[in-house]
Amino acid sequence: MLTAFGGVPLLIEAFRVSGAAGVLDERVAIKRRKRGLRPSELVEGLFALWAAGGERCDDLAMLREDTALALLLGHSMPAPQTARDFLEAFDEVVPPLWQGAACQVPGEGERLQGLAAAGRRLIGFLQERAPQSTATIDLDATILASHKRAARPTYDGRTGYQPVVALWAEQDVVLVDEFRDGNVPAGSGNRRLVERAVAALPPGVERILVRADSAAYEHDLLRWLEGAGHGYAISADMSRELAAAIRALPETAWQIEREDGDAVRHWAEVAYVPGDGVFAQDRPAPPRYLVSRVSKKQGRLFADGGEVKHFAIVTNRPDPDGGSGLDLIRWHRGKAGTVEHSHDVLTNELAAEALPSQKFGANAAWFRLNVLLYNLLSAFKRIALPEELHNARPKRLRFVLLNGIGRVVRHARETVLRLVGAARRQLADAARLALATGPPRLRPA
């Protein structure tokens, strides 16, 4: 038998070896027929679909025709309707996590929490095999555009959903995700999310840092971070008072950063204390406000007609050894290559935006499963693949390994897969050795 997805079973093997599949079966209770698929097997079917490049439940019908892949995994692929029924079982009625005047963040039922527990086990597996002592947590929301009747208007005029994720930058894994309607403000409950992200960190982390945009510029969160001893850099709201303090800076306070075509970038530190009584000038470690100034060269204007734009961050971190505040500004900008990258992969290279249902809980499960696959890919790359593939996007992994033709042969009660191409075979052999497991356990014929 032949399969066009000869590398996909390696990814599923990593899911099983990590222990996440076992946690999922323990924590996600779904009624099934006596000979039906277990929750982990249903999830593996979706992972196989998305890893191979499919997006929607209907695409499972095509994947079900690959009997060789089913033999390697030890179970059949779920039918499209079976997958939909599984996802809709996550639409549980629970009290909201946050309640606003016109919107809310629904709570998570036991099944969604079971998916989160499987995610924590997977992150723990990665930390055990490839430990990191620093955790930079990048917090950000994204918009999943949707024309479903249940979708709500977003701040940019579209309809859809606005989930938030907290990404561990050093490991490239999402610690926490929270699925939200499109009309929920991005600044709702950020302290809760950061606390959950910190609690999700596995043993071995010695230093915690947090980066975020202005949606997280909440004094309650800043006080909590400082009390916990965590460093942070968060974009500040450009209030009238802060803007006035920036305009009052003498020209000598500005230092050149670089020239960009028709614009010049400067930076400065501004002495500013919010006037809301939260921060006092005489406290032991007042926060610092660092400002970037982007100036158009003479005769050129921004789209709004102005010649200058200012961007500020608030941070409690000191200058690095031999460095300056500019290093902290650049460090804060680094989240564009981490959490914003994860949004791009989830929506454009996996299936996070192809939401399957009108039911909120089913879509929340769909998104969390995409996050779980994102984390599985990160763990698989760092544990089982050579270093040059550690930052490979899913489309490259499909090209070099996952979507490889393989021949499957059963002989002497063994199932053997032989990938076409010496490079793929070498990569697959090294991956299996790194995972340090035997062949996938197959069901009796």
Protein backbone atom coordinates (compact mmCIF):
# COMPACT_ATOMS: atom_id res chain seq x y z
CA MET A 1 0.00 0.00 0.00
CA LEU A 2 1.06 3.58 -0.66
CA THR A 3 0.48 6.74 1.34
CA ALA A 4 1.10 10.32 0.28
CA PHE A 5 1.65 11.39 3.90
CA GLY A 6 4.44 9.11 5.04
CA GLY A 7 5.87 11.59 7.57
CA VAL A 8 2.62 12.31 9.39
CA PRO A 9 2.77 9.15 11.59
CA LEU A 10 6.05 10.45 13.05
CA LEU A 11 4.26 13.56 14.26
CA ILE A 12 1.45 11.48 15.76
CA GLU A 13 4.04 9.25 17.40
CA ALA A 14 5.53 12.32 19.11
CA PHE A 15 2.03 13.20 20.36
CA ARG A 16 1.69 9.74 21.93
CA VAL A 17 5.23 9.62 23.33
CA SER A 18 4.74 13.00 25.02
CA GLY A 19 1.90 11.58 27.10
CA ALA A 20 -0.53 14.23 25.81
CA ALA A 21 -2.67 11.63 24.04
CA GLY A 22 -3.08 9.69 27.29
CA VAL A 23 -4.01 12.84 29.22
CA LEU A 24 -6.57 13.68 26.57
CA ASP A 25 -8.23 10.27 26.89
CA GLU A 26 -8.32 10.65 30.68
CA ARG A 27 -9.66 14.19 30.78
CA VAL A 28 -11.98 14.49 27.77
CA ALA A 29 -15.06 12.35 28.40
CA ILE A 30 -17.06 11.88 25.19
CA LYS A 31 -19.78 9.23 24.83
CA ARG A 32 -18.90 6.84 22.00
CA ARG A 33 -19.93 3.52 20.56
CA LYS A 34 -18.19 0.42 21.84
CA ARG A 35 -16.04 0.24 18.70
CA GLY A 36 -15.83 3.99 18.15
CA LEU A 37 -12.70 6.13 18.15
CA ARG A 38 -11.23 7.32 21.43
CA PRO A 39 -10.92 11.12 21.96
CA SER A 40 -7.17 10.97 21.28
CA GLU A 41 -7.80 9.11 18.02
CA LEU A 42 -10.34 11.69 16.91
CA VAL A 43 -7.80 14.41 17.68
CA GLU A 44 -5.07 12.50 15.84
CA GLY A 45 -7.32 12.39 12.78
CA LEU A 46 -7.68 16.18 12.88
CA PHE A 47 -3.93 16.61 13.46
CA ALA A 48 -3.17 14.37 10.48
CA LEU A 49 -5.57 16.39 8.34
CA TRP A 50 -4.14 19.78 9.31
CA ALA A 51 -0.52 18.63 9.21
CA ALA A 52 -1.08 17.31 5.67
CA GLY A 53 -2.56 20.65 4.55
CA GLY A 54 -6.31 20.06 4.89
CA GLU A 55 -8.50 22.62 6.60
CA ARG A 56 -12.12 21.57 7.00
CA CYS A 57 -13.98 18.62 8.44
CA ASP A 58 -15.18 17.74 4.92
CA ASP A 59 -11.54 17.21 3.91
CA LEU A 60 -11.47 14.15 6.17
CA ALA A 61 -13.45 12.27 3.53
CA MET A 62 -10.43 12.36 1.22
CA LEU A 63 -8.01 11.43 3.99
CA ARG A 64 -10.18 8.41 4.90
CA GLU A 65 -9.30 6.91 1.52
CA ASP A 66 -5.65 6.58 2.59
CA THR A 67 -5.81 3.09 4.10
CA ALA A 68 -2.04 2.92 4.45
CA LEU A 69 -2.02 5.97 6.72
CA ALA A 70 -4.81 4.44 8.83
CA LEU A 71 -2.80 1.24 9.17
CA LEU A 72 0.25 3.15 10.35
CA LEU A 73 -1.76 5.08 12.92
CA GLY A 74 -3.64 2.02 14.10
CA HIS A 75 -7.09 3.51 13.57
CA SER A 76 -9.24 4.90 10.80
CA MET A 77 -9.72 8.59 10.16
CA PRO A 78 -12.96 10.00 11.61
CA ALA A 79 -15.79 10.73 9.20
CA PRO A 80 -16.56 14.44 8.70
CA GLN A 81 -19.80 14.23 10.70
CA THR A 82 -18.07 12.28 13.47
CA ALA A 83 -15.53 15.08 13.79
CA ARG A 84 -18.30 17.71 13.91
CA ASP A 85 -20.17 15.78 16.60
CA PHE A 86 -16.95 15.49 18.61
CA LEU A 87 -16.31 19.23 18.41
CA GLU A 88 -19.87 20.19 19.33
CA ALA A 89 -19.57 18.11 22.51
CA PHE A 90 -17.29 20.90 23.79
CA ASP A 91 -20.18 23.39 23.78
CA GLU A 92 -20.81 23.11 27.52
CA VAL A 93 -22.82 25.57 29.62
CA VAL A 94 -20.62 27.15 32.31
CA PRO A 95 -20.49 30.56 34.07
CA PRO A 96 -18.60 33.34 32.21
CA LEU A 97 -14.99 34.18 33.00
CA TRP A 98 -15.67 37.87 32.39
CA GLN A 99 -18.90 39.82 31.94
CA GLY A 100 -19.14 43.21 30.22
CA ALA A 101 -22.08 45.44 29.45
CA ALA A 102 -22.64 44.04 25.93
CA CYS A 103 -20.33 41.02 25.76
CA GLN A 104 -18.72 38.30 27.84
CA VAL A 105 -15.93 35.73 27.85
CA PRO A 106 -17.58 32.32 28.35
CA GLY A 107 -16.08 29.95 30.89
CA GLU A 108 -14.48 26.65 29.96
CA GLY A 109 -16.16 23.32 30.57
CA GLU A 110 -14.38 20.18 31.69
CA ARG A 111 -13.70 19.04 28.13
CA LEU A 112 -12.02 22.27 27.07
CA GLN A 113 -10.01 22.13 30.29
CA GLY A 114 -9.03 18.58 29.35
CA LEU A 115 -7.54 19.88 26.10
CA ALA A 116 -5.60 22.46 28.11
CA ALA A 117 -4.27 19.71 30.39
CA ALA A 118 -3.05 17.75 27.35
CA GLY A 119 -1.33 20.92 26.16
CA ARG A 120 0.48 21.33 29.48
CA ARG A 121 1.72 17.74 29.30
CA LEU A 122 3.08 18.39 25.81
CA ILE A 123 4.87 21.54 26.97
CA GLY A 124 6.29 19.60 29.92
CA PHE A 125 7.58 16.94 27.51
CA LEU A 126 9.36 19.62 25.46
CA GLN A 127 10.90 21.15 28.58
CA GLU A 128 12.12 17.73 29.74
CA ARG A 129 13.88 17.05 26.41
CA ALA A 130 15.01 20.61 25.53
CA PRO A 131 14.94 22.71 28.73
CA GLN A 132 14.95 26.51 28.83
CA SER A 133 15.54 28.52 32.01
CA THR A 134 13.99 31.78 30.78
CA ALA A 135 10.36 32.22 29.79
CA THR A 136 9.49 35.34 27.81
CA ILE A 137 5.68 35.40 27.69
CA ASP A 138 4.28 37.35 24.74
CA LEU A 139 0.59 38.24 24.99
CA ASP A 140 -1.48 39.17 21.95
CA ALA A 141 -4.95 38.89 20.44
CA THR A 142 -5.83 38.27 16.80
CA ILE A 143 -8.97 38.44 14.69
CA LEU A 144 -10.39 35.36 12.99
CA ALA A 145 -12.69 36.73 10.31
CA SER A 146 -15.98 34.86 9.98
CA HIS A 147 -19.33 35.38 8.27
CA LYS A 148 -21.16 32.94 10.54
CA ARG A 149 -24.45 34.18 11.98
CA ALA A 150 -23.01 33.83 15.49
CA ALA A 151 -19.94 35.97 14.70
CA ARG A 152 -19.81 39.41 16.32
CA PRO A 153 -18.50 42.74 14.95
CA THR A 154 -14.82 43.41 15.62
CA TYR A 155 -13.10 46.75 16.18
CA ASP A 156 -11.94 46.92 12.54
CA GLY A 157 -15.43 46.59 11.07
CA ARG A 158 -15.34 42.90 10.21
CA THR A 159 -17.24 40.11 11.95
CA GLY A 160 -15.53 37.20 13.62
CA TYR A 161 -13.79 36.11 16.79
CA GLN A 162 -10.85 37.56 18.72
CA PRO A 163 -8.89 34.88 20.62
CA VAL A 164 -5.92 35.78 22.83
CA VAL A 165 -2.78 33.68 23.22
CA ALA A 166 0.22 33.82 25.56
CA LEU A 167 3.29 32.41 23.82
CA TRP A 168 6.50 31.17 25.46
CA ALA A 169 8.97 32.73 23.03
CA GLU A 170 12.05 30.62 23.85
CA GLN A 171 10.16 27.36 23.20
CA ASP A 172 7.71 28.70 20.59
CA VAL A 173 4.71 27.15 22.32
CA VAL A 174 1.40 28.69 23.38
CA LEU A 175 1.00 28.44 27.16
CA VAL A 176 -2.58 29.71 27.28
CA ASP A 177 -5.28 30.49 24.74
CA GLU A 178 -8.65 32.08 25.36
CA PHE A 179 -11.30 32.04 22.63
CA ARG A 180 -13.46 35.17 22.54
CA ASP A 181 -16.22 36.78 20.51
CA GLY A 182 -15.13 39.53 18.15
CA ASN A 183 -16.74 42.31 20.21
CA VAL A 184 -14.86 41.51 23.44
CA PRO A 185 -12.28 44.26 24.15
CA ALA A 186 -8.71 43.00 23.84
CA GLY A 187 -7.90 44.50 27.25
CA SER A 188 -10.34 42.30 29.17
CA GLY A 189 -8.82 40.04 31.80
CA ASN A 190 -5.15 40.25 30.85
CA ARG A 191 -3.95 39.73 34.42
CA ARG A 192 -5.98 36.49 34.52
CA LEU A 193 -4.35 35.34 31.27
CA VAL A 194 -0.81 36.16 32.41
CA GLU A 195 -1.37 34.41 35.74
CA ARG A 196 -2.61 31.32 33.89
CA ALA A 197 0.39 31.45 31.56
CA VAL A 198 2.83 31.63 34.47
CA ALA A 199 1.04 28.74 36.19
CA ALA A 200 1.31 26.67 32.99
CA LEU A 201 5.11 26.92 32.91
CA PRO A 202 6.82 23.58 33.64
CA PRO A 203 9.63 23.11 36.19
CA GLY A 204 13.06 24.48 35.34
CA VAL A 205 12.09 28.07 34.50
CA GLU A 206 14.08 30.51 36.63
CA ARG A 207 13.25 33.87 35.05
CA ILE A 208 9.92 35.16 33.69
CA LEU A 209 9.52 38.19 31.42
CA VAL A 210 6.36 39.58 29.80
CA ARG A 211 5.86 41.57 26.59
CA ALA A 212 2.56 42.90 25.27
CA ASP A 213 0.91 45.71 23.32
CA SER A 214 -1.20 48.50 24.79
CA ALA A 215 -4.20 46.19 25.36
CA ALA A 216 -2.27 44.96 28.43
CA TYR A 217 -1.50 48.46 29.71
CA GLU A 218 -3.48 47.93 32.89
CA HIS A 219 -2.12 49.09 36.23
CA ASP A 220 -3.58 46.05 37.95
CA LEU A 221 -1.45 43.81 35.72
CA LEU A 222 1.65 46.00 36.13
CA ARG A 223 1.34 45.93 39.93
CA TRP A 224 0.95 42.16 39.89
CA LEU A 225 4.00 41.68 37.65
CA GLU A 226 6.14 43.88 39.88
CA GLY A 227 4.91 42.18 43.03
CA ALA A 228 5.76 38.79 41.54
CA GLY A 229 9.22 39.99 40.49
CA HIS A 230 8.65 39.52 36.74
CA GLY A 231 10.23 41.89 34.24
CA TYR A 232 8.01 43.44 31.59
CA ALA A 233 7.81 45.81 28.63
CA ILE A 234 4.31 46.85 27.57
CA SER A 235 3.16 49.44 25.04
CA ALA A 236 1.70 52.46 26.85
CA ASP A 237 -1.49 54.29 25.95
CA MET A 238 -0.62 57.70 24.52
CA SER A 239 -2.60 59.77 27.03
CA ARG A 240 -2.66 63.55 26.82
CA GLU A 241 -0.40 63.76 29.87
CA LEU A 242 2.16 61.36 28.43
CA ALA A 243 2.05 63.10 25.04
CA ALA A 244 2.64 66.44 26.78
CA ALA A 245 5.63 65.04 28.69
CA ILE A 246 7.09 63.76 25.42
CA ARG A 247 6.62 67.11 23.66
CA ALA A 248 8.36 68.82 26.58
CA LEU A 249 11.56 66.82 26.06
CA PRO A 250 14.43 68.96 24.81
CA GLU A 251 15.91 67.99 21.46
CA THR A 252 19.13 66.98 23.23
CA ALA A 253 17.20 64.15 25.00
CA TRP A 254 16.60 62.36 21.69
CA GLN A 255 19.17 59.87 20.42
CA ILE A 256 19.37 58.60 16.87
CA GLU A 257 18.37 55.00 16.23
CA ARG A 258 18.47 54.74 12.44
CA GLU A 259 17.24 56.19 9.15
CA ASP A 260 14.58 54.28 7.21
CA GLY A 261 14.24 55.56 3.66
CA ASP A 262 12.09 58.69 4.05
CA ALA A 263 11.93 58.53 7.88
CA VAL A 264 14.30 58.96 10.81
CA ARG A 265 13.93 57.09 14.12
CA HIS A 266 15.00 58.53 17.48
CA TRP A 267 14.46 57.32 21.02
CA ALA A 268 14.43 58.85 24.49
CA GLU A 269 13.50 58.19 28.09
CA VAL A 270 10.80 60.44 29.54
CA ALA A 271 10.25 61.15 33.22
CA TYR A 272 6.56 60.44 33.59
CA VAL A 273 4.36 59.23 36.42
CA PRO A 274 0.68 58.45 35.68
CA GLY A 275 -1.64 60.85 37.49
CA ASP A 276 -4.09 58.20 38.64
CA GLY A 277 -2.56 57.67 42.07
CA VAL A 278 -1.47 54.12 41.27
CA PHE A 279 2.24 54.85 41.00
CA ALA A 280 4.13 57.06 43.40
CA GLN A 281 7.38 58.81 42.48
CA ASP A 282 9.05 57.74 45.71
CA ARG A 283 8.39 54.02 45.43
CA PRO A 284 11.47 51.75 45.33
CA ALA A 285 11.39 50.91 41.61
CA PRO A 286 9.20 53.26 39.55
CA PRO A 287 8.53 52.13 35.98
CA ARG A 288 10.39 53.65 33.07
CA TYR A 289 8.78 55.15 29.99
CA LEU A 290 10.82 54.77 26.81
CA VAL A 291 9.71 56.56 23.67
CA SER A 292 10.35 56.05 19.96
CA ARG A 293 9.95 59.01 17.60
CA VAL A 294 9.49 58.45 13.88
CA SER A 295 9.97 61.64 11.86
CA LYS A 296 9.28 61.99 8.17
CA LYS A 297 11.99 63.73 6.23
CA GLN A 298 11.31 67.26 5.05
CA GLY A 299 8.32 67.62 2.78
CA ARG A 300 6.85 64.20 3.55
CA LEU A 301 3.83 63.43 5.71
CA PHE A 302 2.21 60.38 7.31
CA ALA A 303 -1.23 59.32 6.10
CA ASP A 304 -2.88 61.37 8.87
CA GLY A 305 -1.08 64.52 7.71
CA GLY A 306 1.45 64.60 10.55
CA GLU A 307 5.22 64.70 10.33
CA VAL A 308 5.99 62.86 13.60
CA LYS A 309 4.67 59.76 15.38
CA HIS A 310 5.48 58.72 18.94
CA PHE A 311 5.31 55.22 20.47
CA ALA A 312 5.91 54.55 24.16
CA ILE A 313 6.54 51.49 26.30
CA VAL A 314 6.53 51.12 30.07
CA THR A 315 9.07 48.76 31.59
CA ASN A 316 10.54 47.85 34.96
CA ARG A 317 13.72 46.40 33.46
CA PRO A 318 17.12 48.08 33.84
CA ASP A 319 19.42 48.65 30.90
CA PRO A 320 21.37 45.52 29.97
CA ASP A 321 25.09 45.45 30.73
CA GLY A 322 26.80 47.71 28.23
CA GLY A 323 23.46 48.64 26.68
CA SER A 324 20.77 51.29 26.87
CA GLY A 325 17.04 51.85 26.78
CA LEU A 326 17.16 51.31 23.02
CA ASP A 327 17.97 47.65 23.66
CA LEU A 328 14.78 47.37 25.73
CA ILE A 329 12.73 49.02 22.96
CA ARG A 330 14.12 46.54 20.43
CA TRP A 331 13.53 43.65 22.83
CA HIS A 332 9.88 44.69 23.14
CA ARG A 333 9.57 44.83 19.34
CA GLY A 334 10.80 41.24 19.22
CA LYS A 335 7.31 39.94 19.96
CA ALA A 336 6.45 40.67 16.33
CA GLY A 337 8.60 37.68 15.41
CA THR A 338 7.12 35.39 18.06
CA VAL A 339 3.46 35.73 19.01
CA GLU A 340 2.49 37.55 15.80
CA HIS A 341 4.27 34.80 13.88
CA SER A 342 2.19 32.22 15.74
CA HIS A 343 -1.02 34.00 14.68
CA ASP A 344 0.12 33.88 11.07
CA VAL A 345 0.90 30.16 11.22
CA LEU A 346 -2.33 29.28 13.02
CA THR A 347 -4.53 31.14 10.55
CA ASN A 348 -2.65 30.75 7.26
CA GLU A 349 -0.77 27.44 7.51
CA LEU A 350 -2.94 25.45 9.91
CA ALA A 351 -6.74 25.69 10.16
CA ALA A 352 -7.54 28.07 13.03
CA GLU A 353 -9.64 30.38 10.87
CA ALA A 354 -11.68 27.61 9.18
CA LEU A 355 -14.09 27.49 12.13
CA PRO A 356 -16.54 24.60 11.81
CA SER A 357 -19.68 25.58 13.71
CA GLN A 358 -22.20 28.19 14.86
CA LYS A 359 -21.61 26.89 18.39
CA PHE A 360 -19.08 28.86 20.43
CA GLY A 361 -17.72 25.84 22.34
CA ALA A 362 -17.09 23.86 19.15
CA ASN A 363 -15.13 26.76 17.67
CA ALA A 364 -13.21 27.21 20.93
CA ALA A 365 -12.23 23.53 20.80
CA TRP A 366 -11.24 23.86 17.13
CA PHE A 367 -8.97 26.80 17.94
CA ARG A 368 -7.44 25.08 20.98
CA LEU A 369 -6.74 21.94 18.96
CA ASN A 370 -4.96 24.06 16.36
CA VAL A 371 -2.91 25.57 19.19
CA LEU A 372 -2.16 22.06 20.44
CA LEU A 373 -0.94 21.06 16.97
CA TYR A 374 1.17 24.24 16.78
CA ASN A 375 2.83 23.22 20.05
CA LEU A 376 3.24 19.63 18.87
CA LEU A 377 5.03 20.85 15.74
CA SER A 378 7.34 23.02 17.86
CA ALA A 379 8.15 20.13 20.21
CA PHE A 380 8.65 17.72 17.30
CA LYS A 381 11.05 20.11 15.54
CA ARG A 382 13.15 20.79 18.64
CA ILE A 383 13.28 17.22 19.88
CA ALA A 384 13.33 15.10 16.74
CA LEU A 385 14.63 17.22 13.85
CA PRO A 386 18.02 18.83 13.11
CA GLU A 387 18.63 22.41 14.22
CA GLU A 388 18.24 23.87 10.74
CA LEU A 389 14.55 22.83 10.85
CA HIS A 390 13.78 24.16 14.35
CA ASN A 391 12.20 27.31 12.91
CA ALA A 392 10.69 25.69 9.82
CA ARG A 393 7.10 26.63 9.07
CA PRO A 394 4.51 23.89 8.50
CA LYS A 395 4.62 24.32 4.71
CA ARG A 396 8.35 23.53 4.70
CA LEU A 397 7.88 20.54 7.01
CA ARG A 398 5.28 19.21 4.57
CA PHE A 399 7.79 19.52 1.75
CA VAL A 400 10.77 17.92 3.49
CA LEU A 401 9.01 15.22 5.53
CA LEU A 402 5.29 15.13 6.25
CA ASN A 403 3.91 14.89 2.72
CA GLY A 404 6.31 12.23 1.52
CA ILE A 405 5.27 9.17 -0.45
CA GLY A 406 5.78 5.96 1.47
CA ARG A 407 5.21 2.27 0.86
CA VAL A 408 3.62 0.30 3.69
CA VAL A 409 4.22 -3.44 3.91
CA ARG A 410 2.97 -5.96 6.50
CA HIS A 411 5.32 -8.89 7.03
CA ALA A 412 5.72 -11.34 9.91
CA ARG A 413 3.24 -9.42 12.08
CA GLU A 414 5.20 -6.20 11.55
CA THR A 415 4.22 -3.10 9.65
CA VAL A 416 7.07 -1.44 7.79
CA LEU A 417 7.04 2.02 6.20
CA ARG A 418 9.63 2.88 3.60
CA LEU A 419 9.69 6.52 2.59
CA VAL A 420 10.61 7.42 -0.97
CA GLY A 421 13.82 9.44 -1.10
CA ALA A 422 17.05 8.97 0.80
CA ALA A 423 16.87 12.42 2.44
CA ARG A 424 13.39 11.77 3.86
CA ARG A 425 14.38 8.30 5.08
CA GLN A 426 17.44 9.70 6.84
CA LEU A 427 15.38 12.47 8.44
CA ALA A 428 12.68 10.03 9.57
CA ASP A 429 15.18 7.53 10.99
CA ALA A 430 16.90 10.25 13.01
CA ALA A 431 13.54 11.51 14.26
CA ARG A 432 12.45 8.06 15.48
CA LEU A 433 15.77 7.61 17.23
CA ALA A 434 15.40 10.99 18.93
CA LEU A 435 11.92 10.14 20.12
CA ALA A 436 13.40 6.90 21.51
CA THR A 437 10.33 4.74 21.05
CA GLY A 438 9.41 1.54 19.30
CA PRO A 439 7.10 1.35 16.28
CA PRO A 440 3.52 2.64 16.66
CA ARG A 441 1.27 0.16 18.38
CA LEU A 442 -1.18 -1.15 15.84
CA ARG A 443 -4.57 -2.67 16.39
CA PRO A 444 -4.96 -6.34 15.49
CA ALA A 445 -6.03 -6.85 11.88
